[in-house]
Amino acid sequence: MRKLILSSLVAAGLAFSGTAIAADGAAIFKSKCQACHGADGAGSPMAPAFKANDWIKTQKEDVIAATIKNGRPAKESRFEKGKYTIGMAKQALSDDDLKAIVAHLKGLAGK
């Protein structure tokens, strides 16, 4: 009986943690990314959209995380060279937060 209860608690914890990561990614996006990339990742005159973004769709998670963590000057933008005059600032995020935001961006790119 004790093993069954412990197994149930572990399974419930794992199920909840996946939901928490997704929710955290959305919250991080809202607080750190939305101002430039627009509501729901639709883009703005300041930064490209994440919705249907082929770079986000095809890039490995660690490359996206490194770009977020290290930032990128505007001259290195992969999106319509010269369209965006400001670069992306470095973001100080924990590894868990980076994983959450990358998962969120991948979800936006799939829409």
C-alpha atoms as a PDB file:
ATOM      1  CA  MET A   1       0.000   0.000   0.000  1.00  0.00           C
ATOM      2  CA  ARG A   2       2.809   2.379   0.893  1.00  0.00           C
ATOM      3  CA  LYS A   3       4.500   1.784  -2.496  1.00  0.00           C
ATOM      4  CA  LEU A   4       1.227   2.473  -4.294  1.00  0.00           C
ATOM      5  CA  ILE A   5       0.779   5.796  -2.502  1.00  0.00           C
ATOM      6  CA  LEU A   6       4.388   6.802  -3.167  1.00  0.00           C
ATOM      7  CA  SER A   7       4.093   5.833  -6.840  1.00  0.00           C
ATOM      8  CA  SER A   8       0.890   7.852  -7.155  1.00  0.00           C
ATOM      9  CA  LEU A   9       2.493  10.906  -5.590  1.00  0.00           C
ATOM     10  CA  VAL A  10       5.509  10.675  -7.900  1.00  0.00           C
ATOM     11  CA  ALA A  11       3.276  10.280 -10.974  1.00  0.00           C
ATOM     12  CA  ALA A  12       1.125  13.236  -9.926  1.00  0.00           C
ATOM     13  CA  GLY A  13       4.233  15.336  -9.333  1.00  0.00           C
ATOM     14  CA  LEU A  14       5.615  14.524 -12.770  1.00  0.00           C
ATOM     15  CA  ALA A  15       2.311  15.316 -14.452  1.00  0.00           C
ATOM     16  CA  PHE A  16       2.044  18.629 -12.611  1.00  0.00           C
ATOM     17  CA  SER A  17       5.655  19.622 -13.330  1.00  0.00           C
ATOM     18  CA  GLY A  18       5.047  19.482 -17.104  1.00  0.00           C
ATOM     19  CA  THR A  19       2.091  21.821 -16.740  1.00  0.00           C
ATOM     20  CA  ALA A  20       4.049  24.121 -14.453  1.00  0.00           C
ATOM     21  CA  ILE A  21       6.900  24.399 -16.959  1.00  0.00           C
ATOM     22  CA  ALA A  22       4.511  25.365 -19.759  1.00  0.00           C
ATOM     23  CA  ALA A  23       2.815  27.949 -17.546  1.00  0.00           C
ATOM     24  CA  ASP A  24       6.169  29.356 -16.452  1.00  0.00           C
ATOM     25  CA  GLY A  25       7.295  29.696 -20.082  1.00  0.00           C
ATOM     26  CA  ALA A  26       4.212  31.738 -20.899  1.00  0.00           C
ATOM     27  CA  ALA A  27       4.735  33.928 -17.822  1.00  0.00           C
ATOM     28  CA  ILE A  28       8.400  34.476 -18.675  1.00  0.00           C
ATOM     29  CA  PHE A  29       7.442  35.377 -22.243  1.00  0.00           C
ATOM     30  CA  LYS A  30       4.887  37.872 -20.985  1.00  0.00           C
ATOM     31  CA  SER A  31       7.340  39.545 -18.620  1.00  0.00           C
ATOM     32  CA  LYS A  32      10.519  39.486 -20.723  1.00  0.00           C
ATOM     33  CA  CYS A  33       9.656  39.041 -24.414  1.00  0.00           C
ATOM     34  CA  GLN A  34       6.187  40.351 -25.143  1.00  0.00           C
ATOM     35  CA  ALA A  35       7.178  44.045 -25.118  1.00  0.00           C
ATOM     36  CA  CYS A  36       9.297  43.566 -28.248  1.00  0.00           C
ATOM     37  CA  HIS A  37       7.941  40.389 -29.835  1.00  0.00           C
ATOM     38  CA  GLY A  38       4.285  41.310 -29.395  1.00  0.00           C
ATOM     39  CA  ALA A  39       1.362  39.685 -27.667  1.00  0.00           C
ATOM     40  CA  ASP A  40       1.301  35.946 -28.259  1.00  0.00           C
ATOM     41  CA  GLY A  41       4.548  36.233 -30.249  1.00  0.00           C
ATOM     42  CA  ALA A  42       2.876  37.948 -33.215  1.00  0.00           C
ATOM     43  CA  GLY A  43       5.866  40.264 -33.770  1.00  0.00           C
ATOM     44  CA  SER A  44       6.139  44.042 -33.790  1.00  0.00           C
ATOM     45  CA  PRO A  45       8.132  46.772 -35.540  1.00  0.00           C
ATOM     46  CA  MET A  46      10.833  46.124 -32.900  1.00  0.00           C
ATOM     47  CA  ALA A  47      11.251  42.348 -33.222  1.00  0.00           C
ATOM     48  CA  PRO A  48      10.171  39.390 -35.368  1.00  0.00           C
ATOM     49  CA  ALA A  49       7.202  37.129 -34.746  1.00  0.00           C
ATOM     50  CA  PHE A  50       7.608  33.713 -33.171  1.00  0.00           C
ATOM     51  CA  LYS A  51       4.352  32.417 -34.667  1.00  0.00           C
ATOM     52  CA  ALA A  52       5.158  30.197 -37.653  1.00  0.00           C
ATOM     53  CA  ASN A  53       8.838  31.157 -37.271  1.00  0.00           C
ATOM     54  CA  ASP A  54      10.918  28.653 -39.239  1.00  0.00           C
ATOM     55  CA  TRP A  55      14.126  29.410 -37.312  1.00  0.00           C
ATOM     56  CA  ILE A  56      12.447  28.611 -33.993  1.00  0.00           C
ATOM     57  CA  LYS A  57      10.737  25.536 -35.496  1.00  0.00           C
ATOM     58  CA  THR A  58      13.923  24.019 -36.901  1.00  0.00           C
ATOM     59  CA  GLN A  59      16.586  25.131 -34.430  1.00  0.00           C
ATOM     60  CA  LYS A  60      17.745  22.921 -31.590  1.00  0.00           C
ATOM     61  CA  GLU A  61      16.635  23.949 -28.112  1.00  0.00           C
ATOM     62  CA  ASP A  62      20.201  24.601 -26.895  1.00  0.00           C
ATOM     63  CA  VAL A  63      20.862  27.030 -29.755  1.00  0.00           C
ATOM     64  CA  ILE A  64      17.681  28.979 -29.003  1.00  0.00           C
ATOM     65  CA  ALA A  65      18.546  29.003 -25.285  1.00  0.00           C
ATOM     66  CA  ALA A  66      22.065  30.276 -26.035  1.00  0.00           C
ATOM     67  CA  THR A  67      20.643  33.072 -28.193  1.00  0.00           C
ATOM     68  CA  ILE A  68      18.306  34.118 -25.395  1.00  0.00           C
ATOM     69  CA  LYS A  69      21.029  33.916 -22.761  1.00  0.00           C
ATOM     70  CA  ASN A  70      23.728  35.687 -24.794  1.00  0.00           C
ATOM     71  CA  GLY A  71      21.554  38.122 -26.728  1.00  0.00           C
ATOM     72  CA  ARG A  72      22.236  39.122 -30.306  1.00  0.00           C
ATOM     73  CA  PRO A  73      23.210  42.419 -31.949  1.00  0.00           C
ATOM     74  CA  ALA A  74      20.781  43.710 -34.596  1.00  0.00           C
ATOM     75  CA  LYS A  75      23.434  43.318 -37.308  1.00  0.00           C
ATOM     76  CA  GLU A  76      23.440  39.548 -36.630  1.00  0.00           C
ATOM     77  CA  SER A  77      19.694  39.184 -36.935  1.00  0.00           C
ATOM     78  CA  ARG A  78      18.565  36.292 -39.111  1.00  0.00           C
ATOM     79  CA  PHE A  79      15.286  38.043 -39.845  1.00  0.00           C
ATOM     80  CA  GLU A  80      15.045  40.470 -42.747  1.00  0.00           C
ATOM     81  CA  LYS A  81      18.480  42.073 -42.422  1.00  0.00           C
ATOM     82  CA  GLY A  82      18.234  45.762 -41.616  1.00  0.00           C
ATOM     83  CA  LYS A  83      14.561  45.661 -40.632  1.00  0.00           C
ATOM     84  CA  TYR A  84      15.205  45.610 -36.884  1.00  0.00           C
ATOM     85  CA  THR A  85      17.526  48.327 -35.605  1.00  0.00           C
ATOM     86  CA  ILE A  86      17.906  47.095 -32.041  1.00  0.00           C
ATOM     87  CA  GLY A  87      19.449  43.865 -30.924  1.00  0.00           C
ATOM     88  CA  MET A  88      18.200  41.464 -28.313  1.00  0.00           C
ATOM     89  CA  ALA A  89      19.639  42.047 -24.858  1.00  0.00           C
ATOM     90  CA  LYS A  90      21.195  39.225 -22.857  1.00  0.00           C
ATOM     91  CA  GLN A  91      18.694  37.563 -20.541  1.00  0.00           C
ATOM     92  CA  ALA A  92      19.704  36.334 -17.100  1.00  0.00           C
ATOM     93  CA  LEU A  93      17.536  33.231 -16.725  1.00  0.00           C
ATOM     94  CA  SER A  94      18.033  29.981 -14.852  1.00  0.00           C
ATOM     95  CA  ASP A  95      18.418  26.768 -16.839  1.00  0.00           C
ATOM     96  CA  ASP A  96      14.859  25.767 -15.885  1.00  0.00           C
ATOM     97  CA  ASP A  97      13.502  29.132 -17.027  1.00  0.00           C
ATOM     98  CA  LEU A  98      15.411  28.829 -20.311  1.00  0.00           C
ATOM     99  CA  LYS A  99      13.929  25.376 -20.907  1.00  0.00           C
ATOM    100  CA  ALA A 100      10.461  26.716 -20.145  1.00  0.00           C
ATOM    101  CA  ILE A 101      10.712  29.723 -22.453  1.00  0.00           C
ATOM    102  CA  VAL A 102      12.208  27.674 -25.286  1.00  0.00           C
ATOM    103  CA  ALA A 103       9.343  25.168 -24.976  1.00  0.00           C
ATOM    104  CA  HIS A 104       6.891  28.067 -25.077  1.00  0.00           C
ATOM    105  CA  LEU A 105       8.572  29.576 -28.159  1.00  0.00           C
ATOM    106  CA  LYS A 106       8.527  26.200 -29.914  1.00  0.00           C
ATOM    107  CA  GLY A 107       4.793  26.051 -29.202  1.00  0.00           C
ATOM    108  CA  LEU A 108       4.268  29.531 -30.632  1.00  0.00           C
ATOM    109  CA  ALA A 109       6.308  28.683 -33.724  1.00  0.00           C
ATOM    110  CA  GLY A 110       4.098  25.690 -34.407  1.00  0.00           C
ATOM    111  CA  LYS A 111       0.992  27.883 -34.669  1.00  0.00           C
END
